[in-house]
Amino acid sequence: MTDLELQIKEVENIVEQTIQLRVTEVVLANDENLRENAHDRLSDSLQQVAEDIDRIWKESTKIQDKGKHASKESTVQEFPSSSRNILNVENSMVGRDDQRKWLVEDLTRN
């Protein structure tokens, strides 16, 4: 997660500086030709910003999906094993019928 956070901060800084620079160029352009060139550079910069944000968004989504998948996997694996252990109580207490009966009654009563 740290790598993603660093990428986000880096893109944030670059975006802020680039937009400030490009908007300043547009505002300070003295003639129509310079202003048009400044608009083109601003447009290109905004396009790059959109691509960077999209890349980070996709990476963030991948990380979230991996987390959800891992969470589902561990949950799915836990239930069947614990269910099998509960269902096999009779088989695991061979030779202790009285204790097993008392334990099952005690557990089901509470």
PDB file of N, CA and C in Angstrom:
ATOM      1  N   MET A   1       0.828  -1.196   0.000  1.00  0.00           N
ATOM      2  CA  MET A   1       0.000   0.000   0.000  1.00  0.00           C
ATOM      3  C   MET A   1       0.872   1.259   0.000  1.00  0.00           C
ATOM      4  N   THR A   2       2.033   1.204   0.581  1.00  0.00           N
ATOM      5  CA  THR A   2       2.914   2.363   0.657  1.00  0.00           C
ATOM      6  C   THR A   2       3.334   2.831  -0.729  1.00  0.00           C
ATOM      7  N   ASP A   3       3.634   1.889  -1.624  1.00  0.00           N
ATOM      8  CA  ASP A   3       4.022   2.258  -2.986  1.00  0.00           C
ATOM      9  C   ASP A   3       2.907   3.034  -3.684  1.00  0.00           C
ATOM     10  N   LEU A   4       1.689   2.584  -3.516  1.00  0.00           N
ATOM     11  CA  LEU A   4       0.553   3.262  -4.136  1.00  0.00           C
ATOM     12  C   LEU A   4       0.388   4.664  -3.553  1.00  0.00           C
ATOM     13  N   GLU A   5       0.523   4.789  -2.256  1.00  0.00           N
ATOM     14  CA  GLU A   5       0.412   6.109  -1.627  1.00  0.00           C
ATOM     15  C   GLU A   5       1.495   7.062  -2.139  1.00  0.00           C
ATOM     16  N   LEU A   6       2.710   6.549  -2.306  1.00  0.00           N
ATOM     17  CA  LEU A   6       3.793   7.378  -2.842  1.00  0.00           C
ATOM     18  C   LEU A   6       3.502   7.811  -4.274  1.00  0.00           C
ATOM     19  N   GLN A   7       2.973   6.891  -5.075  1.00  0.00           N
ATOM     20  CA  GLN A   7       2.618   7.231  -6.454  1.00  0.00           C
ATOM     21  C   GLN A   7       1.539   8.309  -6.488  1.00  0.00           C
ATOM     22  N   ILE A   8       0.566   8.188  -5.618  1.00  0.00           N
ATOM     23  CA  ILE A   8      -0.520   9.172  -5.568  1.00  0.00           C
ATOM     24  C   ILE A   8       0.029  10.545  -5.197  1.00  0.00           C
ATOM     25  N   LYS A   9       0.879  10.600  -4.180  1.00  0.00           N
ATOM     26  CA  LYS A   9       1.460  11.888  -3.767  1.00  0.00           C
ATOM     27  C   LYS A   9       2.326  12.486  -4.872  1.00  0.00           C
ATOM     28  N   GLU A  10       3.088  11.637  -5.549  1.00  0.00           N
ATOM     29  CA  GLU A  10       3.942  12.115  -6.633  1.00  0.00           C
ATOM     30  C   GLU A  10       3.106  12.694  -7.771  1.00  0.00           C
ATOM     31  N   VAL A  11       2.082  11.967  -8.165  1.00  0.00           N
ATOM     32  CA  VAL A  11       1.206  12.455  -9.239  1.00  0.00           C
ATOM     33  C   VAL A  11       0.504  13.729  -8.798  1.00  0.00           C
ATOM     34  N   GLU A  12       0.071  13.773  -7.539  1.00  0.00           N
ATOM     35  CA  GLU A  12      -0.592  14.967  -7.017  1.00  0.00           C
ATOM     36  C   GLU A  12       0.310  16.192  -7.134  1.00  0.00           C
ATOM     37  N   ASN A  13       1.567  16.058  -6.739  1.00  0.00           N
ATOM     38  CA  ASN A  13       2.504  17.188  -6.815  1.00  0.00           C
ATOM     39  C   ASN A  13       2.754  17.613  -8.261  1.00  0.00           C
ATOM     40  N   ILE A  14       2.971  16.639  -9.128  1.00  0.00           N
ATOM     41  CA  ILE A  14       3.217  16.944 -10.538  1.00  0.00           C
ATOM     42  C   ILE A  14       2.005  17.623 -11.161  1.00  0.00           C
ATOM     43  N   VAL A  15       0.828  17.098 -10.857  1.00  0.00           N
ATOM     44  CA  VAL A  15      -0.409  17.668 -11.416  1.00  0.00           C
ATOM     45  C   VAL A  15      -0.570  19.114 -10.969  1.00  0.00           C
ATOM     46  N   GLU A  16      -0.407  19.357  -9.683  1.00  0.00           N
ATOM     47  CA  GLU A  16      -0.574  20.716  -9.163  1.00  0.00           C
ATOM     48  C   GLU A  16       0.391  21.695  -9.827  1.00  0.00           C
ATOM     49  N   GLN A  17       1.667  21.312  -9.888  1.00  0.00           N
ATOM     50  CA  GLN A  17       2.667  22.197 -10.486  1.00  0.00           C
ATOM     51  C   GLN A  17       2.425  22.397 -11.983  1.00  0.00           C
ATOM     52  N   THR A  18       2.082  21.327 -12.674  1.00  0.00           N
ATOM     53  CA  THR A  18       1.874  21.413 -14.119  1.00  0.00           C
ATOM     54  C   THR A  18       0.669  22.292 -14.455  1.00  0.00           C
ATOM     55  N   ILE A  19      -0.412  22.105 -13.752  1.00  0.00           N
ATOM     56  CA  ILE A  19      -1.606  22.910 -14.031  1.00  0.00           C
ATOM     57  C   ILE A  19      -1.342  24.380 -13.721  1.00  0.00           C
ATOM     58  N   GLN A  20      -0.674  24.659 -12.613  1.00  0.00           N
ATOM     59  CA  GLN A  20      -0.355  26.052 -12.291  1.00  0.00           C
ATOM     60  C   GLN A  20       0.512  26.680 -13.385  1.00  0.00           C
ATOM     61  N   LEU A  21       1.504  25.935 -13.833  1.00  0.00           N
ATOM     62  CA  LEU A  21       2.389  26.433 -14.881  1.00  0.00           C
ATOM     63  C   LEU A  21       1.630  26.686 -16.181  1.00  0.00           C
ATOM     64  N   ARG A  22       0.830  25.710 -16.600  1.00  0.00           N
ATOM     65  CA  ARG A  22       0.113  25.834 -17.878  1.00  0.00           C
ATOM     66  C   ARG A  22      -0.943  26.946 -17.844  1.00  0.00           C
ATOM     67  N   VAL A  23      -1.643  27.072 -16.743  1.00  0.00           N
ATOM     68  CA  VAL A  23      -2.642  28.148 -16.638  1.00  0.00           C
ATOM     69  C   VAL A  23      -1.943  29.507 -16.638  1.00  0.00           C
ATOM     70  N   THR A  24      -0.817  29.599 -15.957  1.00  0.00           N
ATOM     71  CA  THR A  24      -0.040  30.844 -15.965  1.00  0.00           C
ATOM     72  C   THR A  24       0.412  31.188 -17.377  1.00  0.00           C
ATOM     73  N   GLU A  25       0.867  30.183 -18.129  1.00  0.00           N
ATOM     74  CA  GLU A  25       1.280  30.420 -19.522  1.00  0.00           C
ATOM     75  C   GLU A  25       0.123  30.971 -20.341  1.00  0.00           C
ATOM     76  N   VAL A  26      -1.070  30.404 -20.152  1.00  0.00           N
ATOM     77  CA  VAL A  26      -2.246  30.865 -20.908  1.00  0.00           C
ATOM     78  C   VAL A  26      -2.556  32.316 -20.549  1.00  0.00           C
ATOM     79  N   VAL A  27      -2.564  32.620 -19.260  1.00  0.00           N
ATOM     80  CA  VAL A  27      -2.922  33.963 -18.802  1.00  0.00           C
ATOM     81  C   VAL A  27      -1.898  35.001 -19.271  1.00  0.00           C
ATOM     82  N   LEU A  28      -0.632  34.645 -19.253  1.00  0.00           N
ATOM     83  CA  LEU A  28       0.421  35.611 -19.586  1.00  0.00           C
ATOM     84  C   LEU A  28       0.758  35.688 -21.073  1.00  0.00           C
ATOM     85  N   ALA A  29       0.148  34.856 -21.880  1.00  0.00           N
ATOM     86  CA  ALA A  29       0.446  34.868 -23.318  1.00  0.00           C
ATOM     87  C   ALA A  29       0.071  36.227 -23.906  1.00  0.00           C
ATOM     88  N   ASN A  30       1.020  36.837 -24.639  1.00  0.00           N
ATOM     89  CA  ASN A  30       0.831  38.189 -25.173  1.00  0.00           C
ATOM     90  C   ASN A  30       0.052  38.233 -26.479  1.00  0.00           C
ATOM     91  N   ASP A  31       0.220  37.232 -27.294  1.00  0.00           N
ATOM     92  CA  ASP A  31      -0.500  37.265 -28.573  1.00  0.00           C
ATOM     93  C   ASP A  31      -1.283  35.956 -28.763  1.00  0.00           C
ATOM     94  N   GLU A  32      -2.097  35.953 -29.779  1.00  0.00           N
ATOM     95  CA  GLU A  32      -3.010  34.838 -30.042  1.00  0.00           C
ATOM     96  C   GLU A  32      -2.249  33.535 -30.295  1.00  0.00           C
ATOM     97  N   ASN A  33      -1.143  33.595 -31.004  1.00  0.00           N
ATOM     98  CA  ASN A  33      -0.365  32.397 -31.314  1.00  0.00           C
ATOM     99  C   ASN A  33       0.219  31.764 -30.036  1.00  0.00           C
ATOM    100  N   LEU A  34       0.776  32.598 -29.170  1.00  0.00           N
ATOM    101  CA  LEU A  34       1.306  32.093 -27.897  1.00  0.00           C
ATOM    102  C   LEU A  34       0.193  31.521 -27.020  1.00  0.00           C
ATOM    103  N   ARG A  35      -0.948  32.206 -27.022  1.00  0.00           N
ATOM    104  CA  ARG A  35      -2.085  31.740 -26.221  1.00  0.00           C
ATOM    105  C   ARG A  35      -2.588  30.389 -26.740  1.00  0.00           C
ATOM    106  N   GLU A  36      -2.637  30.225 -28.040  1.00  0.00           N
ATOM    107  CA  GLU A  36      -3.089  28.958 -28.630  1.00  0.00           C
ATOM    108  C   GLU A  36      -2.113  27.833 -28.272  1.00  0.00           C
ATOM    109  N   ASN A  37      -0.828  28.107 -28.362  1.00  0.00           N
ATOM    110  CA  ASN A  37       0.174  27.105 -27.973  1.00  0.00           C
ATOM    111  C   ASN A  37       0.061  26.747 -26.482  1.00  0.00           C
ATOM    112  N   ALA A  38      -0.169  27.745 -25.666  1.00  0.00           N
ATOM    113  CA  ALA A  38      -0.329  27.508 -24.225  1.00  0.00           C
ATOM    114  C   ALA A  38      -1.574  26.666 -23.950  1.00  0.00           C
ATOM    115  N   HIS A  39      -2.671  26.943 -24.671  1.00  0.00           N
ATOM    116  CA  HIS A  39      -3.889  26.131 -24.537  1.00  0.00           C
ATOM    117  C   HIS A  39      -3.616  24.685 -24.924  1.00  0.00           C
ATOM    118  N   ASP A  40      -2.862  24.478 -26.003  1.00  0.00           N
ATOM    119  CA  ASP A  40      -2.528  23.117 -26.453  1.00  0.00           C
ATOM    120  C   ASP A  40      -1.717  22.376 -25.391  1.00  0.00           C
ATOM    121  N   ARG A  41      -0.726  23.073 -24.817  1.00  0.00           N
ATOM    122  CA  ARG A  41       0.087  22.443 -23.762  1.00  0.00           C
ATOM    123  C   ARG A  41      -0.763  22.135 -22.534  1.00  0.00           C
ATOM    124  N   LEU A  42      -1.685  23.044 -22.192  1.00  0.00           N
ATOM    125  CA  LEU A  42      -2.588  22.804 -21.064  1.00  0.00           C
ATOM    126  C   LEU A  42      -3.459  21.587 -21.339  1.00  0.00           C
ATOM    127  N   SER A  43      -3.993  21.505 -22.539  1.00  0.00           N
ATOM    128  CA  SER A  43      -4.827  20.362 -22.909  1.00  0.00           C
ATOM    129  C   SER A  43      -4.041  19.053 -22.834  1.00  0.00           C
ATOM    130  N   ASP A  44      -2.809  19.064 -23.365  1.00  0.00           N
ATOM    131  CA  ASP A  44      -1.961  17.863 -23.298  1.00  0.00           C
ATOM    132  C   ASP A  44      -1.661  17.472 -21.851  1.00  0.00           C
ATOM    133  N   SER A  45      -1.393  18.476 -21.037  1.00  0.00           N
ATOM    134  CA  SER A  45      -1.099  18.205 -19.629  1.00  0.00           C
ATOM    135  C   SER A  45      -2.309  17.615 -18.912  1.00  0.00           C
ATOM    136  N   LEU A  46      -3.481  18.159 -19.191  1.00  0.00           N
ATOM    137  CA  LEU A  46      -4.697  17.629 -18.562  1.00  0.00           C
ATOM    138  C   LEU A  46      -4.980  16.196 -19.022  1.00  0.00           C
ATOM    139  N   GLN A  47      -4.681  15.904 -20.286  1.00  0.00           N
ATOM    140  CA  GLN A  47      -4.839  14.543 -20.792  1.00  0.00           C
ATOM    141  C   GLN A  47      -3.903  13.590 -20.048  1.00  0.00           C
ATOM    142  N   GLN A  48      -2.670  14.012 -19.823  1.00  0.00           N
ATOM    143  CA  GLN A  48      -1.706  13.184 -19.085  1.00  0.00           C
ATOM    144  C   GLN A  48      -2.163  12.979 -17.647  1.00  0.00           C
ATOM    145  N   VAL A  49      -2.702  14.022 -17.043  1.00  0.00           N
ATOM    146  CA  VAL A  49      -3.224  13.921 -15.681  1.00  0.00           C
ATOM    147  C   VAL A  49      -4.336  12.863 -15.633  1.00  0.00           C
ATOM    148  N   ALA A  50      -5.242  12.919 -16.593  1.00  0.00           N
ATOM    149  CA  ALA A  50      -6.345  11.947 -16.637  1.00  0.00           C
ATOM    150  C   ALA A  50      -5.813  10.527 -16.764  1.00  0.00           C
ATOM    151  N   GLU A  51      -4.788  10.334 -17.586  1.00  0.00           N
ATOM    152  CA  GLU A  51      -4.191   9.003 -17.751  1.00  0.00           C
ATOM    153  C   GLU A  51      -3.520   8.533 -16.458  1.00  0.00           C
ATOM    154  N   ASP A  52      -2.823   9.431 -15.786  1.00  0.00           N
ATOM    155  CA  ASP A  52      -2.173   9.067 -14.518  1.00  0.00           C
ATOM    156  C   ASP A  52      -3.204   8.691 -13.465  1.00  0.00           C
ATOM    157  N   ILE A  53      -4.266   9.454 -13.369  1.00  0.00           N
ATOM    158  CA  ILE A  53      -5.322   9.162 -12.398  1.00  0.00           C
ATOM    159  C   ILE A  53      -5.987   7.829 -12.727  1.00  0.00           C
ATOM    160  N   ASP A  54      -6.224   7.573 -13.995  1.00  0.00           N
ATOM    161  CA  ASP A  54      -6.826   6.307 -14.414  1.00  0.00           C
ATOM    162  C   ASP A  54      -5.918   5.130 -14.054  1.00  0.00           C
ATOM    163  N   ARG A  55      -4.609   5.283 -14.275  1.00  0.00           N
ATOM    164  CA  ARG A  55      -3.649   4.224 -13.942  1.00  0.00           C
ATOM    165  C   ARG A  55      -3.664   3.926 -12.439  1.00  0.00           C
ATOM    166  N   ILE A  56      -3.653   4.982 -11.631  1.00  0.00           N
ATOM    167  CA  ILE A  56      -3.678   4.805 -10.176  1.00  0.00           C
ATOM    168  C   ILE A  56      -5.001   4.192  -9.735  1.00  0.00           C
ATOM    169  N   TRP A  57      -6.100   4.614 -10.343  1.00  0.00           N
ATOM    170  CA  TRP A  57      -7.417   4.060 -10.006  1.00  0.00           C
ATOM    171  C   TRP A  57      -7.454   2.559 -10.279  1.00  0.00           C
ATOM    172  N   LYS A  58      -6.920   2.143 -11.425  1.00  0.00           N
ATOM    173  CA  LYS A  58      -6.897   0.716 -11.773  1.00  0.00           C
ATOM    174  C   LYS A  58      -6.031  -0.070 -10.797  1.00  0.00           C
ATOM    175  N   GLU A  59      -4.898   0.479 -10.430  1.00  0.00           N
ATOM    176  CA  GLU A  59      -4.022  -0.205  -9.479  1.00  0.00           C
ATOM    177  C   GLU A  59      -4.687  -0.325  -8.109  1.00  0.00           C
ATOM    178  N   SER A  60      -5.367   0.731  -7.694  1.00  0.00           N
ATOM    179  CA  SER A  60      -6.090   0.708  -6.425  1.00  0.00           C
ATOM    180  C   SER A  60      -7.199  -0.344  -6.459  1.00  0.00           C
ATOM    181  N   THR A  61      -7.904  -0.432  -7.573  1.00  0.00           N
ATOM    182  CA  THR A  61      -8.975  -1.425  -7.720  1.00  0.00           C
ATOM    183  C   THR A  61      -8.406  -2.840  -7.660  1.00  0.00           C
ATOM    184  N   LYS A  62      -7.253  -3.063  -8.287  1.00  0.00           N
ATOM    185  CA  LYS A  62      -6.615  -4.384  -8.230  1.00  0.00           C
ATOM    186  C   LYS A  62      -6.286  -4.765  -6.789  1.00  0.00           C
ATOM    187  N   ILE A  63      -5.747  -3.812  -6.037  1.00  0.00           N
ATOM    188  CA  ILE A  63      -5.396  -4.078  -4.640  1.00  0.00           C
ATOM    189  C   ILE A  63      -6.644  -4.407  -3.832  1.00  0.00           C
ATOM    190  N   GLN A  64      -7.722  -3.658  -4.054  1.00  0.00           N
ATOM    191  CA  GLN A  64      -8.970  -3.918  -3.346  1.00  0.00           C
ATOM    192  C   GLN A  64      -9.529  -5.292  -3.709  1.00  0.00           C
ATOM    193  N   ASP A  65      -9.471  -5.646  -4.995  1.00  0.00           N
ATOM    194  CA  ASP A  65      -9.968  -6.948  -5.443  1.00  0.00           C
ATOM    195  C   ASP A  65      -9.165  -8.085  -4.833  1.00  0.00           C
ATOM    196  N   LYS A  66      -7.838  -7.925  -4.759  1.00  0.00           N
ATOM    197  CA  LYS A  66      -7.001  -8.954  -4.137  1.00  0.00           C
ATOM    198  C   LYS A  66      -7.374  -9.119  -2.671  1.00  0.00           C
ATOM    199  N   GLY A  67      -7.615  -8.005  -1.986  1.00  0.00           N
ATOM    200  CA  GLY A  67      -8.006  -8.065  -0.578  1.00  0.00           C
ATOM    201  C   GLY A  67      -9.340  -8.760  -0.389  1.00  0.00           C
ATOM    202  N   LYS A  68     -10.305  -8.449  -1.247  1.00  0.00           N
ATOM    203  CA  LYS A  68     -11.613  -9.094  -1.166  1.00  0.00           C
ATOM    204  C   LYS A  68     -11.496 -10.580  -1.455  1.00  0.00           C
ATOM    205  N   HIS A  69     -10.692 -10.936  -2.472  1.00  0.00           N
ATOM    206  CA  HIS A  69     -10.519 -12.335  -2.850  1.00  0.00           C
ATOM    207  C   HIS A  69      -9.860 -13.115  -1.711  1.00  0.00           C
ATOM    208  N   ALA A  70      -8.840 -12.544  -1.102  1.00  0.00           N
ATOM    209  CA  ALA A  70      -8.150 -13.208   0.008  1.00  0.00           C
ATOM    210  C   ALA A  70      -9.087 -13.371   1.198  1.00  0.00           C
ATOM    211  N   SER A  71      -9.907 -12.355   1.449  1.00  0.00           N
ATOM    212  CA  SER A  71     -10.855 -12.416   2.557  1.00  0.00           C
ATOM    213  C   SER A  71     -11.884 -13.514   2.320  1.00  0.00           C
ATOM    214  N   LYS A  72     -12.421 -13.594   1.097  1.00  0.00           N
ATOM    215  CA  LYS A  72     -13.401 -14.631   0.769  1.00  0.00           C
ATOM    216  C   LYS A  72     -12.772 -16.012   0.870  1.00  0.00           C
ATOM    217  N   GLU A  73     -11.536 -16.147   0.392  1.00  0.00           N
ATOM    218  CA  GLU A  73     -10.850 -17.433   0.414  1.00  0.00           C
ATOM    219  C   GLU A  73     -10.669 -17.927   1.839  1.00  0.00           C
ATOM    220  N   SER A  74     -10.229 -17.059   2.742  1.00  0.00           N
ATOM    221  CA  SER A  74     -10.013 -17.495   4.115  1.00  0.00           C
ATOM    222  C   SER A  74     -11.340 -17.823   4.789  1.00  0.00           C
ATOM    223  N   THR A  75     -12.387 -17.088   4.503  1.00  0.00           N
ATOM    224  CA  THR A  75     -13.696 -17.362   5.084  1.00  0.00           C
ATOM    225  C   THR A  75     -14.227 -18.692   4.581  1.00  0.00           C
ATOM    226  N   VAL A  76     -14.117 -18.932   3.296  1.00  0.00           N
ATOM    227  CA  VAL A  76     -14.618 -20.179   2.718  1.00  0.00           C
ATOM    228  C   VAL A  76     -13.856 -21.369   3.272  1.00  0.00           C
ATOM    229  N   GLN A  77     -12.574 -21.246   3.480  1.00  0.00           N
ATOM    230  CA  GLN A  77     -11.780 -22.348   3.984  1.00  0.00           C
ATOM    231  C   GLN A  77     -12.044 -22.609   5.458  1.00  0.00           C
ATOM    232  N   GLU A  78     -12.362 -21.590   6.225  1.00  0.00           N
ATOM    233  CA  GLU A  78     -12.596 -21.776   7.647  1.00  0.00           C
ATOM    234  C   GLU A  78     -13.883 -22.528   7.934  1.00  0.00           C
ATOM    235  N   PHE A  79     -14.960 -22.200   7.242  1.00  0.00           N
ATOM    236  CA  PHE A  79     -16.246 -22.804   7.552  1.00  0.00           C
ATOM    237  C   PHE A  79     -16.294 -24.308   7.318  1.00  0.00           C
ATOM    238  N   PRO A  80     -15.855 -24.813   6.171  1.00  0.00           N
ATOM    239  CA  PRO A  80     -15.954 -26.251   5.975  1.00  0.00           C
ATOM    240  C   PRO A  80     -15.157 -27.045   6.996  1.00  0.00           C
ATOM    241  N   SER A  81     -13.946 -26.616   7.344  1.00  0.00           N
ATOM    242  CA  SER A  81     -13.144 -27.394   8.284  1.00  0.00           C
ATOM    243  C   SER A  81     -13.777 -27.398   9.670  1.00  0.00           C
ATOM    244  N   SER A  82     -14.291 -26.247  10.122  1.00  0.00           N
ATOM    245  CA  SER A  82     -14.907 -26.210  11.444  1.00  0.00           C
ATOM    246  C   SER A  82     -16.216 -26.978  11.450  1.00  0.00           C
ATOM    247  N   SER A  83     -16.956 -26.949  10.345  1.00  0.00           N
ATOM    248  CA  SER A  83     -18.207 -27.699  10.261  1.00  0.00           C
ATOM    249  C   SER A  83     -17.932 -29.193  10.310  1.00  0.00           C
ATOM    250  N   ARG A  84     -16.905 -29.657   9.618  1.00  0.00           N
ATOM    251  CA  ARG A  84     -16.572 -31.082   9.627  1.00  0.00           C
ATOM    252  C   ARG A  84     -16.177 -31.515  11.034  1.00  0.00           C
ATOM    253  N   ASN A  85     -15.418 -30.690  11.745  1.00  0.00           N
ATOM    254  CA  ASN A  85     -15.010 -31.047  13.099  1.00  0.00           C
ATOM    255  C   ASN A  85     -16.200 -31.167  14.025  1.00  0.00           C
ATOM    256  N   ILE A  86     -17.164 -30.268  13.897  1.00  0.00           N
ATOM    257  CA  ILE A  86     -18.357 -30.316  14.735  1.00  0.00           C
ATOM    258  C   ILE A  86     -19.179 -31.552  14.419  1.00  0.00           C
ATOM    259  N   LEU A  87     -19.326 -31.879  13.145  1.00  0.00           N
ATOM    260  CA  LEU A  87     -20.124 -33.027  12.743  1.00  0.00           C
ATOM    261  C   LEU A  87     -19.474 -34.345  13.133  1.00  0.00           C
ATOM    262  N   ASN A  88     -18.165 -34.385  13.294  1.00  0.00           N
ATOM    263  CA  ASN A  88     -17.453 -35.633  13.605  1.00  0.00           C
ATOM    264  C   ASN A  88     -17.144 -35.774  15.088  1.00  0.00           C
ATOM    265  N   VAL A  89     -17.896 -35.112  15.958  1.00  0.00           N
ATOM    266  CA  VAL A  89     -17.655 -35.211  17.397  1.00  0.00           C
ATOM    267  C   VAL A  89     -17.797 -36.655  17.855  1.00  0.00           C
ATOM    268  N   GLU A  90     -18.789 -37.371  17.352  1.00  0.00           N
ATOM    269  CA  GLU A  90     -19.006 -38.749  17.774  1.00  0.00           C
ATOM    270  C   GLU A  90     -17.799 -39.621  17.431  1.00  0.00           C
ATOM    271  N   ASN A  91     -17.231 -39.445  16.251  1.00  0.00           N
ATOM    272  CA  ASN A  91     -16.116 -40.278  15.810  1.00  0.00           C
ATOM    273  C   ASN A  91     -14.828 -39.967  16.549  1.00  0.00           C
ATOM    274  N   SER A  92     -14.635 -38.766  17.023  1.00  0.00           N
ATOM    275  CA  SER A  92     -13.370 -38.402  17.652  1.00  0.00           C
ATOM    276  C   SER A  92     -13.326 -38.748  19.140  1.00  0.00           C
ATOM    277  N   MET A  93     -14.424 -39.195  19.742  1.00  0.00           N
ATOM    278  CA  MET A  93     -14.438 -39.510  21.176  1.00  0.00           C
ATOM    279  C   MET A  93     -14.776 -40.978  21.407  1.00  0.00           C
ATOM    280  N   VAL A  94     -14.105 -41.833  20.706  1.00  0.00           N
ATOM    281  CA  VAL A  94     -14.344 -43.269  20.810  1.00  0.00           C
ATOM    282  C   VAL A  94     -13.978 -43.761  22.204  1.00  0.00           C
ATOM    283  N   GLY A  95     -14.866 -44.560  22.794  1.00  0.00           N
ATOM    284  CA  GLY A  95     -14.601 -45.156  24.099  1.00  0.00           C
ATOM    285  C   GLY A  95     -14.976 -44.274  25.267  1.00  0.00           C
ATOM    286  N   ARG A  96     -15.535 -43.132  25.042  1.00  0.00           N
ATOM    287  CA  ARG A  96     -15.912 -42.225  26.132  1.00  0.00           C
ATOM    288  C   ARG A  96     -17.357 -41.773  25.922  1.00  0.00           C
ATOM    289  N   ASP A  97     -18.229 -42.736  25.764  1.00  0.00           N
ATOM    290  CA  ASP A  97     -19.625 -42.444  25.442  1.00  0.00           C
ATOM    291  C   ASP A  97     -20.299 -41.567  26.492  1.00  0.00           C
ATOM    292  N   ASP A  98     -20.064 -41.847  27.786  1.00  0.00           N
ATOM    293  CA  ASP A  98     -20.704 -41.058  28.840  1.00  0.00           C
ATOM    294  C   ASP A  98     -20.232 -39.601  28.807  1.00  0.00           C
ATOM    295  N   GLN A  99     -18.918 -39.409  28.656  1.00  0.00           N
ATOM    296  CA  GLN A  99     -18.366 -38.055  28.607  1.00  0.00           C
ATOM    297  C   GLN A  99     -18.835 -37.322  27.350  1.00  0.00           C
ATOM    298  N   ARG A 100     -18.885 -38.051  26.235  1.00  0.00           N
ATOM    299  CA  ARG A 100     -19.349 -37.441  24.985  1.00  0.00           C
ATOM    300  C   ARG A 100     -20.802 -37.010  25.130  1.00  0.00           C
ATOM    301  N   LYS A 101     -21.643 -37.887  25.698  1.00  0.00           N
ATOM    302  CA  LYS A 101     -23.061 -37.570  25.856  1.00  0.00           C
ATOM    303  C   LYS A 101     -23.237 -36.346  26.769  1.00  0.00           C
ATOM    304  N   TRP A 102     -22.496 -36.298  27.879  1.00  0.00           N
ATOM    305  CA  TRP A 102     -22.577 -35.172  28.792  1.00  0.00           C
ATOM    306  C   TRP A 102     -22.126 -33.886  28.104  1.00  0.00           C
ATOM    307  N   LEU A 103     -21.015 -33.951  27.328  1.00  0.00           N
ATOM    308  CA  LEU A 103     -20.480 -32.788  26.637  1.00  0.00           C
ATOM    309  C   LEU A 103     -21.453 -32.280  25.587  1.00  0.00           C
ATOM    310  N   VAL A 104     -22.022 -33.171  24.777  1.00  0.00           N
ATOM    311  CA  VAL A 104     -22.979 -32.773  23.748  1.00  0.00           C
ATOM    312  C   VAL A 104     -24.211 -32.145  24.381  1.00  0.00           C
ATOM    313  N   GLU A 105     -24.723 -32.742  25.467  1.00  0.00           N
ATOM    314  CA  GLU A 105     -25.895 -32.172  26.150  1.00  0.00           C
ATOM    315  C   GLU A 105     -25.581 -30.792  26.724  1.00  0.00           C
ATOM    316  N   ASP A 106     -24.395 -30.667  27.322  1.00  0.00           N
ATOM    317  CA  ASP A 106     -24.002 -29.393  27.900  1.00  0.00           C
ATOM    318  C   ASP A 106     -23.862 -28.315  26.843  1.00  0.00           C
ATOM    319  N   LEU A 107     -23.259 -28.667  25.721  1.00  0.00           N
ATOM    320  CA  LEU A 107     -23.072 -27.687  24.647  1.00  0.00           C
ATOM    321  C   LEU A 107     -24.386 -27.301  23.977  1.00  0.00           C
ATOM    322  N   THR A 108     -25.266 -28.243  23.785  1.00  0.00           N
ATOM    323  CA  THR A 108     -26.527 -27.931  23.098  1.00  0.00           C
ATOM    324  C   THR A 108     -27.521 -27.250  24.014  1.00  0.00           C
ATOM    325  N   ARG A 109     -27.419 -27.456  25.301  1.00  0.00           N
ATOM    326  CA  ARG A 109     -28.326 -26.833  26.248  1.00  0.00           C
ATOM    327  C   ARG A 109     -28.056 -25.335  26.353  1.00  0.00           C
ATOM    328  N   ASN A 110     -26.799 -24.928  26.336  1.00  0.00           N
ATOM    329  CA  ASN A 110     -26.449 -23.513  26.485  1.00  0.00           C
ATOM    330  C   ASN A 110     -26.588 -22.815  25.164  1.00  0.00           C
TER     331      ASN A 110
END
